[in-house]
């Protein structure tokens, strides 16, 4: 006997009883993004590995440890996308979407990273993201943060904390990196092995360490804000004034650096305290050098990506998200009942957009079929017995209310159902 095959570790099934949370998140996001002028872009799952090594940086954990990369039959290195922004930039360059008016794009879909699976973190995960190109000022940063804040309100998520920071430009960040490296190297004996490795590969990543000992040491470390030039300070200051004016609460986090090398100036995260260690549900920032890194002329950009798995878990805990209403179950018993039931179901579905109707399969007595109807969660049972079929009638039995059973003419059912659905 063959052993049943199981899914790959960290790549999980999304079952029907959970999908309505995903639909709520995705449809709310799509409607909101569209209202802000963002158009959807759909990206391939596979990209040339260089798309990510150029953009994300070879010193990051994503590139050095987490990417699913392989050589195809022609010997070209390909990678399952670990994030969306680099692919959007590649697509925008390739298809001539840049170097004109401000371009607003959004995307969604699965991403892949070889991480240790845990609650809120899997190897195939799903992101929704937005990218805005061609606007270098802090007003674009405020627009993106306003969009995120509106989304949480639309989803009924009230307790997300927005943290912001400025990384400055490339030169300022490089100068700070040198100072931070000098400081951390002087305290190397106080660091664990993983942190010492990060110091050598990318010392900025030490700033977001979860180790209490490392965070205590960093209290005496040089500050990135002390290395910002006047233009960077003005950009960051103006952004904060915009957020104050808009009434968007935020907290400054001088250790917030994000894990990808392409970020500059404004970076941000929305964080929850309800998901344990995996508290970041949405993050992003400005990446004014990324288009050039991908082979284009310099062009500013800013965006964010949100983890759907984590937001779905928050919706499950905090929001009143109901599954789709099952309107009716079609019960049919007797001679020619199958043919009559199929015909009725076909006509009702064709004539009523949005009707949720389940037809009985595998026969059975009235008692058996009514049990199935009840278990389906349907509000109504549409009943075809021999008398109904012979007389061109359909009986309507209310499964969730005490209303009296109705008997309708066959050609009245569609209008009656439409009016009934409008009242629920």
Protein backbone atom coordinates (compact mmCIF):
# COMPACT_ATOMS: atom_id res chain seq x y z
CA UNK A 1 0.00 0.00 0.00
CA UNK A 2 1.37 3.40 -0.97
CA UNK A 3 1.90 5.94 1.80
CA UNK A 4 -0.13 9.13 1.14
CA UNK A 5 1.97 11.99 -0.19
CA UNK A 6 2.09 15.07 2.03
CA UNK A 7 2.73 18.68 1.13
CA UNK A 8 6.26 20.11 1.24
CA UNK A 9 7.22 21.44 4.66
CA UNK A 10 6.42 25.13 4.89
CA UNK A 11 4.11 25.08 1.85
CA UNK A 12 0.59 24.92 3.17
CA UNK A 13 -2.89 24.28 1.82
CA UNK A 14 -5.53 27.00 2.23
CA UNK A 15 -8.80 25.20 2.91
CA UNK A 16 -12.34 26.26 1.92
CA UNK A 17 -13.33 27.17 5.49
CA UNK A 18 -10.51 29.76 5.58
CA UNK A 19 -10.64 31.19 2.08
CA UNK A 20 -13.26 33.84 2.92
CA UNK A 21 -10.65 35.62 5.08
CA UNK A 22 -8.32 35.73 2.08
CA UNK A 23 -11.12 36.97 -0.17
CA UNK A 24 -11.92 39.76 2.32
CA UNK A 25 -8.30 40.90 2.50
CA UNK A 26 -7.65 40.71 -1.23
CA UNK A 27 -10.90 42.30 -2.39
CA UNK A 28 -10.61 45.14 0.14
CA UNK A 29 -7.02 45.80 -0.92
CA UNK A 30 -7.88 45.72 -4.63
CA UNK A 31 -10.79 48.14 -4.22
CA UNK A 32 -8.71 50.56 -2.16
CA UNK A 33 -5.66 50.44 -4.43
CA UNK A 34 -7.84 51.06 -7.46
CA UNK A 35 -9.43 54.07 -5.74
CA UNK A 36 -5.92 55.53 -5.26
CA UNK A 37 -5.11 55.12 -8.96
CA UNK A 38 -2.97 51.95 -8.74
CA UNK A 39 -3.14 49.44 -11.58
CA UNK A 40 -2.51 45.72 -11.09
CA UNK A 41 0.58 44.07 -12.57
CA UNK A 42 0.95 40.27 -12.67
CA UNK A 43 4.48 38.92 -12.49
CA UNK A 44 6.04 35.54 -13.31
CA UNK A 45 6.93 33.25 -10.41
CA UNK A 46 10.39 32.65 -11.89
CA UNK A 47 12.96 35.35 -12.63
CA UNK A 48 16.61 35.32 -13.57
CA UNK A 49 18.53 35.08 -10.33
CA UNK A 50 20.32 38.32 -11.15
CA UNK A 51 17.06 40.23 -10.73
CA UNK A 52 17.32 39.57 -7.00
CA UNK A 53 21.08 39.45 -6.42
CA UNK A 54 21.46 42.90 -7.98
CA UNK A 55 18.55 44.41 -6.09
CA UNK A 56 18.48 42.74 -2.69
CA UNK A 57 22.24 42.41 -2.18
CA UNK A 58 24.40 39.32 -1.85
CA UNK A 59 25.12 40.10 1.81
CA UNK A 60 21.48 39.75 2.84
CA UNK A 61 20.03 36.61 4.40
CA UNK A 62 17.45 36.44 1.60
CA UNK A 63 20.08 36.00 -1.13
CA UNK A 64 22.75 34.15 0.84
CA UNK A 65 20.51 31.64 2.63
CA UNK A 66 16.86 31.72 1.64
CA UNK A 67 16.35 31.80 -2.13
CA UNK A 68 15.14 28.81 -4.13
CA UNK A 69 17.57 28.99 -7.06
CA UNK A 70 18.51 26.41 -9.68
CA UNK A 71 20.05 26.13 -13.14
CA UNK A 72 17.67 25.37 -16.00
CA UNK A 73 18.49 23.10 -18.94
CA UNK A 74 20.41 25.91 -20.64
CA UNK A 75 22.55 26.47 -17.56
CA UNK A 76 20.88 29.79 -16.68
CA UNK A 77 20.33 30.45 -12.97
CA UNK A 78 16.66 31.01 -12.16
CA UNK A 79 14.98 31.83 -8.84
CA UNK A 80 11.49 31.48 -7.44
CA UNK A 81 10.66 35.05 -6.47
CA UNK A 82 11.41 35.76 -2.77
CA UNK A 83 9.78 39.22 -2.91
CA UNK A 84 7.90 41.42 -5.37
CA UNK A 85 9.61 44.79 -5.73
CA UNK A 86 12.63 43.68 -7.76
CA UNK A 87 10.38 41.89 -10.25
CA UNK A 88 8.10 44.92 -10.57
CA UNK A 89 11.11 47.11 -11.38
CA UNK A 90 12.32 44.59 -13.96
CA UNK A 91 8.87 44.48 -15.56
CA UNK A 92 8.45 48.26 -15.50
CA UNK A 93 11.82 48.74 -17.23
CA UNK A 94 11.24 45.98 -19.76
CA UNK A 95 7.78 47.25 -20.73
CA UNK A 96 8.49 50.98 -20.85
CA UNK A 97 6.40 51.99 -17.83
CA UNK A 98 8.96 54.44 -16.37
CA UNK A 99 10.40 57.88 -17.19
CA UNK A 100 7.05 59.56 -17.69
CA UNK A 101 4.14 60.46 -15.40
CA UNK A 102 4.00 58.98 -11.91
CA UNK A 103 3.39 55.23 -12.22
CA UNK A 104 1.32 53.40 -9.59
CA UNK A 105 1.34 49.59 -9.60
CA UNK A 106 0.15 46.84 -7.27
CA UNK A 107 0.69 43.08 -7.26
CA UNK A 108 -0.21 39.97 -5.30
CA UNK A 109 0.76 36.33 -5.22
CA UNK A 110 3.00 33.65 -3.70
CA UNK A 111 6.65 34.23 -2.76
CA UNK A 112 9.25 31.64 -1.73
CA UNK A 113 11.98 31.66 0.91
CA UNK A 114 13.75 28.74 2.55
CA UNK A 115 13.10 29.75 6.16
CA UNK A 116 12.32 27.79 9.32
CA UNK A 117 8.51 27.39 9.25
CA UNK A 118 6.67 28.79 12.25
CA UNK A 119 3.44 30.62 12.98
CA UNK A 120 3.15 33.50 10.52
CA UNK A 121 6.18 32.37 8.49
CA UNK A 122 6.20 29.71 5.79
CA UNK A 123 8.35 28.79 2.81
CA UNK A 124 5.62 29.58 0.33
CA UNK A 125 3.92 32.73 1.56
CA UNK A 126 1.71 35.35 -0.05
CA UNK A 127 2.22 39.07 -0.42
CA UNK A 128 0.23 42.03 -1.64
CA UNK A 129 2.33 45.06 -2.50
CA UNK A 130 2.21 48.52 -4.02
CA UNK A 131 4.95 50.40 -5.86
CA UNK A 132 4.96 54.10 -6.82
CA UNK A 133 7.55 55.38 -9.32
CA UNK A 134 8.55 58.87 -10.41
CA UNK A 135 7.91 60.92 -7.25
CA UNK A 136 11.01 61.68 -5.15
CA UNK A 137 9.42 63.86 -2.47
CA UNK A 138 8.06 63.15 1.02
CA UNK A 139 4.52 63.72 -0.28
CA UNK A 140 4.80 60.36 -2.08
CA UNK A 141 5.99 58.76 1.16
CA UNK A 142 2.95 60.22 2.95
CA UNK A 143 0.63 58.98 0.18
CA UNK A 144 1.91 55.42 0.59
CA UNK A 145 1.60 55.53 4.39
CA UNK A 146 -1.88 57.02 4.10
CA UNK A 147 -2.84 54.14 1.80
CA UNK A 148 -1.66 51.58 4.35
CA UNK A 149 -3.48 53.28 7.21
CA UNK A 150 -6.70 53.39 5.18
CA UNK A 151 -6.40 49.67 4.45
CA UNK A 152 -6.19 48.73 8.14
CA UNK A 153 -9.25 50.87 8.87
CA UNK A 154 -11.16 49.26 5.99
CA UNK A 155 -10.31 45.80 7.34
CA UNK A 156 -11.29 46.70 10.90
CA UNK A 157 -7.73 46.28 12.25
CA UNK A 158 -7.19 49.01 14.85
CA UNK A 159 -4.10 48.12 16.86
CA UNK A 160 -1.27 48.21 14.32
CA UNK A 161 1.74 50.30 15.26
CA UNK A 162 3.53 52.28 12.53
CA UNK A 163 7.31 52.63 12.99
CA UNK A 164 9.40 54.87 10.72
CA UNK A 165 13.04 55.79 10.21
CA UNK A 166 15.30 57.41 7.64
CA UNK A 167 18.30 55.61 6.16
CA UNK A 168 19.57 58.68 4.31
CA UNK A 169 21.20 58.38 0.90
CA UNK A 170 23.81 55.87 -0.24
CA UNK A 171 26.82 57.91 0.84
CA UNK A 172 25.40 58.74 4.27
CA UNK A 173 24.45 55.14 4.90
CA UNK A 174 27.89 53.91 3.83
CA UNK A 175 29.60 56.35 6.20
CA UNK A 176 27.36 55.24 9.04
CA UNK A 177 27.99 51.57 8.22
CA UNK A 178 31.73 52.15 8.70
CA UNK A 179 31.20 53.79 12.10
CA UNK A 180 28.83 51.04 13.19
CA UNK A 181 31.26 48.35 12.03
CA UNK A 182 34.05 49.94 14.08
CA UNK A 183 31.84 50.06 17.16
CA UNK A 184 30.62 46.46 16.83
CA UNK A 185 34.08 45.12 16.08
CA UNK A 186 35.32 46.65 19.31
CA UNK A 187 32.66 44.62 21.17
CA UNK A 188 33.04 41.43 19.16
CA UNK A 189 33.67 39.29 22.24
CA UNK A 190 30.24 40.29 23.61
CA UNK A 191 28.39 39.12 20.49
CA UNK A 192 27.03 35.69 19.64
CA UNK A 193 28.28 33.85 16.57
CA UNK A 194 25.33 34.78 14.35
CA UNK A 195 25.66 38.47 15.20
CA UNK A 196 29.42 38.41 14.55
CA UNK A 197 28.65 36.95 11.12
CA UNK A 198 26.18 39.76 10.45
CA UNK A 199 28.76 42.35 11.48
CA UNK A 200 31.05 41.11 8.73
CA UNK A 201 28.38 40.74 6.03
CA UNK A 202 26.02 43.62 6.74
CA UNK A 203 26.44 45.47 10.07
CA UNK A 204 23.20 47.42 9.61
CA UNK A 205 21.26 44.17 10.07
CA UNK A 206 22.57 43.97 13.63
CA UNK A 207 20.33 46.93 14.48
CA UNK A 208 17.15 44.86 14.19
CA UNK A 209 18.50 41.93 16.22
CA UNK A 210 15.91 40.36 18.54
CA UNK A 211 18.58 39.51 21.14
CA UNK A 212 18.13 41.53 24.38
CA UNK A 213 21.90 41.43 24.95
CA UNK A 214 22.61 42.89 21.51
CA UNK A 215 19.94 45.56 21.93
CA UNK A 216 21.44 46.55 25.28
CA UNK A 217 24.85 46.90 23.63
CA UNK A 218 23.37 49.03 20.83
CA UNK A 219 22.23 51.66 23.32
CA UNK A 220 25.78 53.05 23.13
CA UNK A 221 26.16 52.58 19.36
CA UNK A 222 26.42 55.53 16.96
CA UNK A 223 23.07 56.69 15.56
CA UNK A 224 22.22 56.73 11.90
CA UNK A 225 20.32 59.99 12.37
CA UNK A 226 23.60 61.72 13.32
CA UNK A 227 25.01 60.87 9.88
CA UNK A 228 22.19 62.32 7.76
CA UNK A 229 22.87 65.34 5.58
CA UNK A 230 20.65 68.40 5.40
CA UNK A 231 18.59 67.21 2.42
CA UNK A 232 17.86 63.87 4.09
CA UNK A 233 16.90 65.58 7.34
CA UNK A 234 14.53 67.90 5.51
CA UNK A 235 12.89 65.01 3.63
CA UNK A 236 12.33 63.07 6.84
CA UNK A 237 11.15 66.12 8.78
CA UNK A 238 8.62 67.05 6.10
CA UNK A 239 7.26 63.51 6.05
CA UNK A 240 6.67 63.65 9.80
CA UNK A 241 4.87 66.98 9.44
CA UNK A 242 2.61 65.47 6.77
CA UNK A 243 1.80 62.51 9.01
CA UNK A 244 1.04 64.81 11.93
CA UNK A 245 -1.27 66.87 9.73
CA UNK A 246 -3.05 63.74 8.50
CA UNK A 247 -3.48 62.40 12.03
CA UNK A 248 -1.52 59.22 11.28
CA UNK A 249 0.15 58.00 14.48
CA UNK A 250 3.76 56.86 14.15
CA UNK A 251 6.74 55.97 16.30
CA UNK A 252 10.34 56.71 15.34
CA UNK A 253 12.58 53.66 15.56
CA UNK A 254 16.27 54.53 15.02
CA UNK A 255 17.11 50.81 14.67
CA UNK A 256 14.66 50.18 11.84
CA UNK A 257 16.74 49.39 8.73
CA UNK A 258 14.79 46.69 6.81
CA UNK A 259 16.48 43.56 5.47
CA UNK A 260 17.05 44.46 1.81
CA UNK A 261 19.93 46.55 0.51
CA UNK A 262 17.96 48.64 -1.97
CA UNK A 263 16.23 50.86 0.63
CA UNK A 264 17.14 54.52 1.20
CA UNK A 265 15.62 57.49 3.05
CA UNK A 266 12.18 56.55 4.45
CA UNK A 267 11.63 53.01 5.75
CA UNK A 268 8.64 51.82 7.77
CA UNK A 269 6.85 48.85 9.30
CA UNK A 270 3.39 48.19 10.68
CA UNK A 271 3.65 45.90 13.70
CA UNK A 272 1.17 43.97 15.82
CA UNK A 273 1.64 42.52 19.28
CA UNK A 274 -0.86 39.72 18.65
CA UNK A 275 1.26 37.33 16.58
CA UNK A 276 4.25 36.73 18.81
CA UNK A 277 7.69 37.02 17.23
CA UNK A 278 6.25 37.46 13.72
CA UNK A 279 4.84 40.90 14.49
CA UNK A 280 5.59 42.74 11.25
CA UNK A 281 2.55 42.54 8.96
CA UNK A 282 3.50 45.20 6.39
CA UNK A 283 6.79 46.91 5.59
CA UNK A 284 8.49 48.95 2.93
CA UNK A 285 10.28 52.14 2.10
CA UNK A 286 11.93 54.26 -0.54
CA UNK A 287 14.32 52.71 -3.10
CA UNK A 288 15.54 55.54 -5.34
CA UNK A 289 18.59 53.58 -6.57
CA UNK A 290 16.87 50.30 -7.46
CA UNK A 291 15.91 51.17 -11.04
CA UNK A 292 19.54 52.03 -11.77
CA UNK A 293 20.72 48.80 -10.12
CA UNK A 294 18.42 46.91 -12.50
CA UNK A 295 20.01 48.56 -15.53
CA UNK A 296 17.83 51.65 -16.05
CA UNK A 297 18.37 55.35 -15.69
CA UNK A 298 17.95 56.65 -12.12
CA UNK A 299 14.26 56.90 -11.18
CA UNK A 300 12.72 57.23 -7.70
CA UNK A 301 10.41 54.65 -6.17
CA UNK A 302 8.65 53.78 -2.94
CA UNK A 303 6.34 50.96 -1.90
CA UNK A 304 5.36 48.35 0.64
CA UNK A 305 4.46 44.67 0.85
CA UNK A 306 2.17 42.96 3.33
CA UNK A 307 2.18 39.35 4.43
CA UNK A 308 -1.23 37.84 3.74
CA UNK A 309 -0.83 34.91 6.16
CA UNK A 310 -0.24 37.25 9.10
CA UNK A 311 -3.06 39.61 8.16
CA UNK A 312 -5.44 36.69 7.68
CA UNK A 313 -4.59 35.54 11.20
CA UNK A 314 -5.35 39.05 12.51
CA UNK A 315 -8.66 39.07 10.64
CA UNK A 316 -9.51 35.71 12.17
CA UNK A 317 -8.82 37.07 15.66
CA UNK A 318 -10.25 40.57 15.39
CA UNK A 319 -12.62 41.15 12.48
CA UNK A 320 -16.15 39.98 11.82
CA UNK A 321 -15.57 38.28 8.48
CA UNK A 322 -18.41 36.01 7.43
CA UNK A 323 -18.12 33.32 4.75
CA UNK A 324 -20.22 33.62 1.62
CA UNK A 325 -23.93 33.03 2.22
CA UNK A 326 -25.22 29.76 0.77
CA UNK A 327 -28.65 30.71 -0.48
CA UNK A 328 -30.27 27.43 -1.46
CA UNK A 329 -29.94 23.66 -1.76
CA UNK A 330 -31.91 21.90 -4.48
CA UNK A 331 -33.71 18.74 -3.24
CA UNK A 332 -35.26 16.44 -5.85
CA UNK A 333 -36.87 13.00 -5.49
CA UNK A 334 -39.03 10.96 -7.86
CA UNK A 335 -39.37 10.10 -11.52
CA UNK A 336 -37.48 12.45 -13.84
CA UNK A 337 -36.35 14.45 -10.78
CA UNK A 338 -32.69 14.53 -11.81
CA UNK A 339 -33.43 15.96 -15.24
CA UNK A 340 -35.85 18.54 -13.78
CA UNK A 341 -33.41 19.53 -11.02
CA UNK A 342 -30.50 19.99 -13.44
CA UNK A 343 -32.66 22.11 -15.73
CA UNK A 344 -33.91 24.28 -12.86
CA UNK A 345 -30.42 24.75 -11.45
CA UNK A 346 -29.07 25.70 -14.89
CA UNK A 347 -31.78 28.30 -15.46
CA UNK A 348 -31.49 29.85 -11.99
CA UNK A 349 -27.70 30.14 -12.11
CA UNK A 350 -27.76 31.55 -15.64
CA UNK A 351 -30.36 34.15 -14.71
CA UNK A 352 -29.03 35.30 -11.32
CA UNK A 353 -25.51 36.63 -10.84
CA UNK A 354 -24.28 35.93 -7.33
CA UNK A 355 -26.70 33.11 -6.57
CA UNK A 356 -25.11 30.47 -4.33
CA UNK A 357 -27.03 27.29 -5.14
CA UNK A 358 -25.96 23.71 -4.40
CA UNK A 359 -27.58 20.88 -6.32
CA UNK A 360 -28.00 17.49 -4.69
CA UNK A 361 -25.89 14.67 -6.12
CA UNK A 362 -25.98 10.89 -5.58
CA UNK A 363 -29.75 10.73 -5.14
CA UNK A 364 -31.23 9.76 -1.78
CA UNK A 365 -34.56 10.02 0.00
CA UNK A 366 -36.15 13.31 0.99
CA UNK A 367 -34.91 12.75 4.55
CA UNK A 368 -31.32 12.13 3.43
CA UNK A 369 -31.35 15.12 1.09
CA UNK A 370 -32.77 17.48 3.72
CA UNK A 371 -29.96 16.40 6.07
CA UNK A 372 -27.44 17.30 3.37
CA UNK A 373 -29.22 20.60 2.81
CA UNK A 374 -29.02 21.43 6.51
CA UNK A 375 -25.32 20.49 6.74
CA UNK A 376 -24.57 22.67 3.71
CA UNK A 377 -25.56 25.78 5.65
CA UNK A 378 -28.11 26.83 3.03
CA UNK A 379 -30.88 29.22 4.02
CA UNK A 380 -33.47 27.53 1.80
CA UNK A 381 -34.30 24.18 0.29
CA UNK A 382 -35.84 24.27 -3.18
CA UNK A 383 -37.89 21.08 -3.42
CA UNK A 384 -38.85 19.12 -6.52
CA UNK A 385 -41.02 16.09 -5.82
CA UNK A 386 -43.21 14.17 -8.25
CA UNK A 387 -46.19 16.51 -7.61
CA UNK A 388 -44.09 19.65 -8.15
CA UNK A 389 -42.57 18.28 -11.35
CA UNK A 390 -45.95 17.19 -12.73
CA UNK A 391 -47.62 20.55 -11.94
CA UNK A 392 -44.72 22.86 -12.88
CA UNK A 393 -44.18 23.96 -9.26
CA UNK A 394 -41.24 24.38 -6.86
CA UNK A 395 -41.63 24.20 -3.09
CA UNK A 396 -39.52 26.48 -0.89
CA UNK A 397 -38.66 25.33 2.64
CA UNK A 398 -36.96 27.77 5.05
CA UNK A 399 -34.07 26.00 6.83
CA UNK A 400 -32.96 28.83 9.16
CA UNK A 401 -36.28 30.52 9.92
CA UNK A 402 -39.76 29.58 11.08
CA UNK A 403 -41.51 30.83 7.92
CA UNK A 404 -44.24 28.70 6.38
CA UNK A 405 -43.26 26.61 3.37
CA UNK A 406 -44.13 28.20 0.00
CA UNK A 407 -45.13 26.66 -3.31
CA UNK A 408 -44.21 28.75 -6.38
CA UNK A 409 -44.81 28.46 -10.08
CA UNK A 410 -41.69 27.25 -11.88
CA UNK A 411 -41.28 30.56 -13.72
CA UNK A 412 -41.72 32.60 -10.50
CA UNK A 413 -38.76 31.08 -8.65
CA UNK A 414 -36.04 33.30 -10.12
CA UNK A 415 -37.80 36.60 -9.30
CA UNK A 416 -38.79 35.35 -5.83
CA UNK A 417 -35.21 34.30 -5.05
CA UNK A 418 -33.86 37.61 -6.29
CA UNK A 419 -36.20 39.55 -4.00
CA UNK A 420 -35.47 37.24 -1.07
CA UNK A 421 -31.71 37.61 -1.45
CA UNK A 422 -32.06 41.41 -1.53
CA UNK A 423 -33.67 41.28 1.96
CA UNK A 424 -30.95 39.27 3.73
